[in-house]
Protein backbone atom coordinates (compact mmCIF):
# COMPACT_ATOMS: atom_id res chain seq x y z
CA MET A 1 41.66 -158.24 337.92
CA ILE A 2 39.67 -157.42 334.20
CA SER A 3 39.52 -153.62 336.19
CA LEU A 4 43.48 -153.83 336.85
CA PHE A 5 43.69 -154.14 332.77
CA LYS A 6 41.55 -152.24 331.82
CA GLN A 7 42.94 -149.31 333.49
CA ARG A 8 46.45 -150.04 332.45
CA ARG A 9 45.42 -150.37 328.94
CA GLN A 10 44.04 -146.83 329.27
CA MET A 11 46.97 -145.37 330.88
CA LEU A 12 49.34 -146.74 328.29
CA THR A 13 46.51 -145.26 325.72
CA ARG A 14 47.17 -141.77 326.91
CA VAL A 15 51.28 -142.27 327.63
CA LYS A 16 51.87 -143.07 324.20
CA PRO A 17 50.77 -139.90 322.20
CA ALA A 18 52.85 -137.53 324.74
CA ARG A 19 55.38 -140.19 323.80
CA GLN A 20 55.11 -139.69 319.89
CA ARG A 21 54.23 -135.85 319.93
CA ALA A 22 57.57 -135.94 321.68
CA GLN A 23 59.55 -137.98 318.73
CA LYS A 24 57.43 -135.61 316.22
CA SER A 25 58.74 -132.41 318.06
CA PRO A 26 61.54 -130.63 315.71
CA VAL A 27 65.60 -129.83 317.40
CA CYS A 28 65.71 -125.45 317.46
CA VAL A 29 69.14 -125.46 315.60
CA PRO A 30 70.17 -121.51 315.15
CA LYS A 31 69.27 -120.31 312.22
CA GLY A 32 73.43 -120.31 310.15
CA ILE A 33 75.21 -122.69 311.79
CA TYR A 34 74.52 -125.64 309.45
CA THR A 35 75.16 -125.61 306.02
CA ARG A 36 74.02 -128.09 303.43
CA CYS A 37 75.94 -129.57 300.37
CA PRO A 38 73.38 -128.51 297.42
CA ASP A 39 75.52 -131.13 295.57
CA CYS A 40 75.83 -134.47 298.64
CA LYS A 41 72.84 -133.28 300.55
CA GLN A 42 75.07 -133.36 304.29
CA ASP A 43 75.03 -130.87 306.24
CA PHE A 44 78.30 -128.72 307.69
CA LEU A 45 79.29 -126.43 310.57
CA SER A 46 79.31 -123.42 308.66
CA ASP A 47 82.62 -122.21 309.77
CA GLN A 48 84.01 -125.32 308.44
CA ILE A 49 82.51 -124.84 304.96
CA ALA A 50 83.24 -121.62 305.15
CA ALA A 51 87.62 -122.65 306.28
CA GLY A 52 87.02 -124.71 303.08
CA LEU A 53 86.58 -121.32 300.63
CA TYR A 54 82.90 -122.83 300.58
CA VAL A 55 84.10 -126.58 299.25
CA CYS A 56 82.47 -129.43 299.84
CA PRO A 57 84.32 -131.77 302.19
CA GLU A 58 82.53 -134.05 301.34
CA CYS A 59 82.34 -134.97 298.06
CA ASP A 60 84.25 -131.17 296.60
CA TYR A 61 81.03 -129.56 295.35
CA HIS A 62 82.18 -126.09 294.93
CA MET A 63 79.96 -123.82 296.17
CA LYS A 64 78.39 -120.88 294.61
CA LEU A 65 80.62 -117.67 296.51
CA THR A 66 79.35 -114.41 296.34
CA ALA A 67 81.07 -111.35 294.12
CA GLN A 68 82.28 -110.00 297.33
CA GLY A 69 83.77 -112.68 298.89
CA ARG A 70 84.88 -114.05 295.47
CA ILE A 71 86.87 -110.89 296.24
CA LYS A 72 88.28 -111.89 299.07
CA LEU A 73 89.40 -115.46 297.84
CA VAL A 74 91.41 -114.64 294.48
CA VAL A 75 92.87 -110.20 295.58
CA ASP A 76 95.43 -109.27 297.75
CA LYS A 77 94.22 -108.03 300.46
CA GLY A 78 93.12 -103.85 300.27
CA SER A 79 94.52 -103.45 297.00
CA PHE A 80 91.05 -103.82 295.54
CA HIS A 81 89.09 -100.29 294.35
CA GLU A 82 86.04 -100.43 292.55
CA LEU A 83 85.22 -99.09 289.04
CA ASN A 84 81.75 -97.21 288.37
CA GLY A 85 79.74 -98.61 291.28
CA ARG A 86 77.05 -96.57 290.86
CA LEU A 87 75.52 -97.20 287.83
CA GLN A 88 72.14 -98.03 288.42
CA THR A 89 69.94 -99.95 285.99
CA THR A 90 67.03 -97.34 284.26
CA GLU A 91 63.30 -99.19 284.48
CA CYS A 92 62.93 -99.46 280.23
CA LEU A 93 59.62 -101.18 278.70
CA ASP A 94 57.74 -100.89 282.21
CA PHE A 95 58.53 -104.86 283.17
CA PRO A 96 55.95 -105.16 286.27
CA GLY A 97 57.71 -105.33 289.72
CA TYR A 98 60.78 -105.24 287.88
CA SER A 99 61.93 -102.25 289.89
CA GLU A 100 60.75 -103.54 293.06
CA LYS A 101 62.82 -106.29 292.19
CA LEU A 102 66.03 -104.53 291.99
CA SER A 103 65.39 -102.49 295.04
CA SER A 104 64.83 -105.57 296.65
CA LEU A 105 68.48 -107.06 295.75
CA GLN A 106 70.25 -104.33 296.13
CA ALA A 107 69.42 -104.02 299.89
CA ALA A 108 69.74 -108.43 300.24
CA THR A 109 73.48 -107.80 298.75
CA GLY A 110 75.00 -104.77 298.86
CA LEU A 111 74.96 -104.30 294.97
CA ASN A 112 73.65 -102.01 292.18
CA ASP A 113 74.12 -104.90 290.47
CA ALA A 114 74.63 -108.94 289.33
CA VAL A 115 78.39 -107.76 288.47
CA LEU A 116 81.37 -105.43 290.75
CA THR A 117 84.24 -104.31 288.50
CA GLY A 118 87.15 -102.85 289.90
CA VAL A 119 91.49 -102.64 289.53
CA CYS A 120 93.19 -104.88 292.56
CA THR A 121 96.28 -107.09 292.54
CA ILE A 122 96.81 -110.58 292.22
CA GLU A 123 99.99 -111.37 293.90
CA GLY A 124 101.30 -108.83 293.38
CA GLN A 125 99.89 -108.28 289.91
CA LYS A 126 98.34 -105.34 288.40
CA THR A 127 94.64 -106.69 287.01
CA VAL A 128 90.99 -104.79 286.56
CA ILE A 129 88.41 -107.07 287.61
CA ALA A 130 85.04 -108.02 286.88
CA VAL A 131 82.67 -110.49 289.47
CA MET A 132 79.39 -111.77 288.48
CA ASP A 133 76.99 -112.68 291.54
CA SER A 134 74.46 -115.51 290.72
CA ARG A 135 72.59 -113.65 293.71
CA PHE A 136 71.38 -110.74 291.48
CA LEU A 137 68.47 -112.06 289.33
CA MET A 138 70.55 -115.44 288.16
CA GLY A 139 73.59 -113.17 287.15
CA SER A 140 71.41 -112.02 283.63
CA MET A 141 73.20 -109.61 281.80
CA GLY A 142 71.37 -106.41 281.78
CA SER A 143 72.07 -102.79 280.56
CA VAL A 144 74.14 -102.15 283.75
CA VAL A 145 75.93 -105.53 283.57
CA GLY A 146 76.87 -104.98 279.47
CA GLU A 147 78.52 -101.70 279.93
CA LYS A 148 80.33 -102.94 283.57
CA VAL A 149 82.09 -104.90 282.07
CA THR A 150 82.60 -103.19 278.26
CA ARG A 151 84.03 -100.46 281.23
CA ALA A 152 85.89 -102.50 282.47
CA VAL A 153 87.56 -103.80 279.74
CA GLU A 154 88.46 -100.65 278.18
CA TYR A 155 89.95 -99.02 281.46
CA ALA A 156 92.38 -101.70 280.79
CA THR A 157 93.43 -100.91 277.60
CA LYS A 158 93.43 -97.11 278.28
CA LYS A 159 95.65 -98.41 281.12
CA ARG A 160 97.20 -101.53 279.20
CA LEU A 161 96.24 -104.33 281.98
CA PRO A 162 94.92 -107.67 281.71
CA ILE A 163 91.73 -108.73 282.76
CA VAL A 164 90.33 -111.49 284.83
CA ILE A 165 86.33 -111.66 284.52
CA PHE A 166 84.28 -114.25 287.03
CA THR A 167 81.11 -115.13 284.57
CA ALA A 168 78.02 -116.37 287.03
CA SER A 169 74.92 -115.80 285.00
CA GLY A 170 71.62 -117.70 283.88
CA GLY A 171 71.96 -115.35 280.33
CA ALA A 172 70.17 -112.57 279.41
CA ARG A 173 68.07 -110.69 281.40
CA MET A 174 64.26 -110.95 279.95
CA GLN A 175 63.49 -107.95 282.11
CA GLU A 176 65.63 -105.24 279.45
CA GLY A 177 64.16 -107.23 276.10
CA ILE A 178 66.81 -106.23 273.34
CA VAL A 179 68.80 -104.55 274.92
CA SER A 180 70.02 -106.90 277.44
CA LEU A 181 71.10 -109.08 273.74
CA MET A 182 72.22 -106.09 272.93
CA GLN A 183 75.52 -105.70 275.44
CA MET A 184 76.61 -109.20 273.85
CA ALA A 185 78.03 -107.17 270.87
CA LYS A 186 79.57 -104.23 272.93
CA THR A 187 81.37 -106.32 275.80
CA SER A 188 83.01 -108.40 272.96
CA ASN A 189 83.51 -105.75 270.87
CA ALA A 190 85.34 -104.05 273.84
CA LEU A 191 87.32 -107.12 274.74
CA SER A 192 88.51 -107.76 270.65
CA ARG A 193 90.12 -103.75 270.93
CA HIS A 194 91.95 -105.59 274.01
CA HIS A 195 93.08 -108.31 272.59
CA LYS A 196 94.43 -106.52 269.54
CA ALA A 197 96.33 -103.95 271.70
CA GLY A 198 97.49 -107.03 272.60
CA LEU A 199 97.40 -107.66 276.03
CA LEU A 200 95.34 -110.30 277.85
CA TYR A 201 91.91 -112.05 278.47
CA ILE A 202 91.74 -114.83 281.87
CA SER A 203 88.19 -115.82 281.38
CA CYS A 204 86.92 -118.03 285.32
CA LEU A 205 84.08 -119.65 284.25
CA THR A 206 82.48 -120.46 287.82
CA HIS A 207 78.91 -122.78 287.67
CA PRO A 208 76.03 -121.94 285.99
CA THR A 209 77.67 -120.24 283.00
CA THR A 210 75.39 -119.77 280.69
CA GLY A 211 72.88 -118.12 277.46
CA GLY A 212 74.04 -114.72 276.20
CA VAL A 213 77.26 -114.89 278.65
CA THR A 214 78.43 -118.29 277.02
CA ALA A 215 78.11 -116.86 273.80
CA SER A 216 79.76 -113.46 274.26
CA PHE A 217 82.45 -112.84 276.96
CA ALA A 218 82.85 -115.59 278.50
CA SER A 219 84.13 -117.60 275.74
CA LEU A 220 86.24 -114.84 274.54
CA GLY A 221 89.48 -115.61 276.94
CA ASP A 222 92.86 -115.97 275.57
CA ILE A 223 92.30 -118.22 278.88
CA ILE A 224 89.81 -120.04 279.57
CA LEU A 225 89.83 -121.74 283.10
CA SER A 226 86.90 -123.22 285.13
CA GLU A 227 86.02 -124.47 288.84
CA PRO A 228 85.38 -128.19 288.44
CA ARG A 229 81.45 -129.60 287.44
CA ALA A 230 80.31 -125.92 286.55
CA LEU A 231 77.68 -126.23 284.06
CA ILE A 232 78.57 -124.55 281.18
CA GLY A 233 76.65 -123.56 277.72
CA PHE A 234 74.18 -121.58 276.07
CA ALA A 235 70.90 -123.79 276.68
CA GLY A 236 70.49 -126.04 279.33
CA PRO A 237 70.82 -129.39 278.91
CA ARG A 238 67.16 -129.85 279.06
CA VAL A 239 65.92 -127.32 276.46
CA ILE A 240 68.70 -128.61 273.84
CA GLU A 241 67.35 -132.75 274.89
CA GLN A 242 63.92 -131.19 274.07
CA THR A 243 64.55 -129.63 271.00
CA ILE A 244 67.18 -132.45 269.32
CA ARG A 245 64.82 -135.02 271.00
CA GLN A 246 68.25 -137.19 271.50
CA LYS A 247 69.53 -138.18 275.13
CA LEU A 248 72.64 -135.69 275.61
CA PRO A 249 76.25 -137.38 276.46
CA GLU A 250 77.33 -138.42 280.63
CA GLY A 251 78.16 -135.29 282.23
CA PHE A 252 77.01 -133.18 279.05
CA GLN A 253 78.09 -129.00 278.75
CA ARG A 254 79.67 -129.54 282.67
CA ALA A 255 83.05 -128.15 282.93
CA GLU A 256 85.61 -131.70 282.52
CA PHE A 257 83.28 -132.40 279.54
CA LEU A 258 83.76 -129.32 278.06
CA LEU A 259 87.76 -129.15 278.72
CA GLU A 260 87.91 -133.07 276.82
CA HIS A 261 86.77 -131.19 274.40
CA GLY A 262 88.67 -128.52 274.05
CA PHE A 263 86.60 -125.59 274.97
CA ILE A 264 88.40 -124.86 278.27
CA ASP A 265 92.42 -124.53 279.22
CA LYS A 266 92.35 -126.38 282.73
CA ILE A 267 90.12 -126.87 285.43
CA LEU A 268 91.12 -125.86 289.03
CA LYS A 269 90.25 -126.17 292.36
CA ARG A 270 89.35 -123.18 294.90
CA SER A 271 92.53 -123.22 296.12
CA GLU A 272 94.93 -123.87 293.22
CA LEU A 273 92.84 -120.62 291.72
CA ARG A 274 94.72 -117.16 292.77
CA GLY A 275 98.25 -119.09 292.86
CA THR A 276 97.73 -120.13 289.21
CA LEU A 277 95.99 -116.42 288.06
CA GLY A 278 99.38 -114.14 289.67
CA THR A 279 101.36 -117.07 287.58
CA LEU A 280 99.33 -116.13 284.32
CA LEU A 281 99.65 -112.74 284.60
CA LYS A 282 103.48 -113.03 285.51
CA LEU A 283 104.59 -115.00 282.82
CA HIS A 284 102.28 -112.55 280.62
CA ALA A 285 103.65 -109.31 282.34
CA PRO A 286 105.41 -106.64 280.00
CA ALA A 287 108.25 -107.29 281.18
CA ALA A 288 108.28 -110.67 282.02
CA ARG A 289 108.19 -110.43 278.09
CA THR A 290 110.64 -108.56 277.33
CA ARG A 291 113.18 -110.75 279.62
CA GLY A 292 111.96 -113.67 277.35
CA GLY A 293 112.81 -111.66 273.98
CA GLY A 294 108.83 -112.02 273.18
């Protein structure tokens, strides 16, 4: 009898580790089937997220869009024609690994730099558009980003067209030093000439919009729109708290806080964006102003 219990105990000892191994074995799910919300951390079918314009169905978090995806969402189908698509950054400071990083990102994103510019129609209204892409060195503004935005604004001024700019940026590009900081003044001057010509500029802020981009063309719109809960500011909240040694208000630098304090004009869900832009462009079109006696 004692021998029988020993044999049973030995069998259980041998079986238990096998069961444990089975429980710990990961479930193999093909890559790309699910998308995890960065905010609530829940997983959803990627097709469901794409159908919902990359807005989380649980917490309404607006996920980042690529520049190409943003253009597909906003502009009339087949109407986008790129401007200055061949401009590429030239190494100016011999920053270690910068050229290799640029080549890698160009291959991964299909972009030459962190902004895509062009002419399009939005609900039938012809406009110039510029869309930043945070995949490319966090949408940092270097010489090419500044030059492409400036040329887009100058084209809009010459053709007497409105311009819509979607921002998503970590600020100036440190790999280009003072050259990147010069773009703040260059883009701002171009927009000043566009404004003096009596033309419309709509700035659309997406998460995140920070640093030198916020301190220049992102904040100069005649109308400033934002997606929900976007982080918008110059320095980040943690840097500010460490500098002033004070706790910041709840929601500081989020779109809702800035709307309440008059920095932006309206917060729009992604599903509302195209229709609102179309309406604003129609209201400010020269023909509409003439009919209205403006």
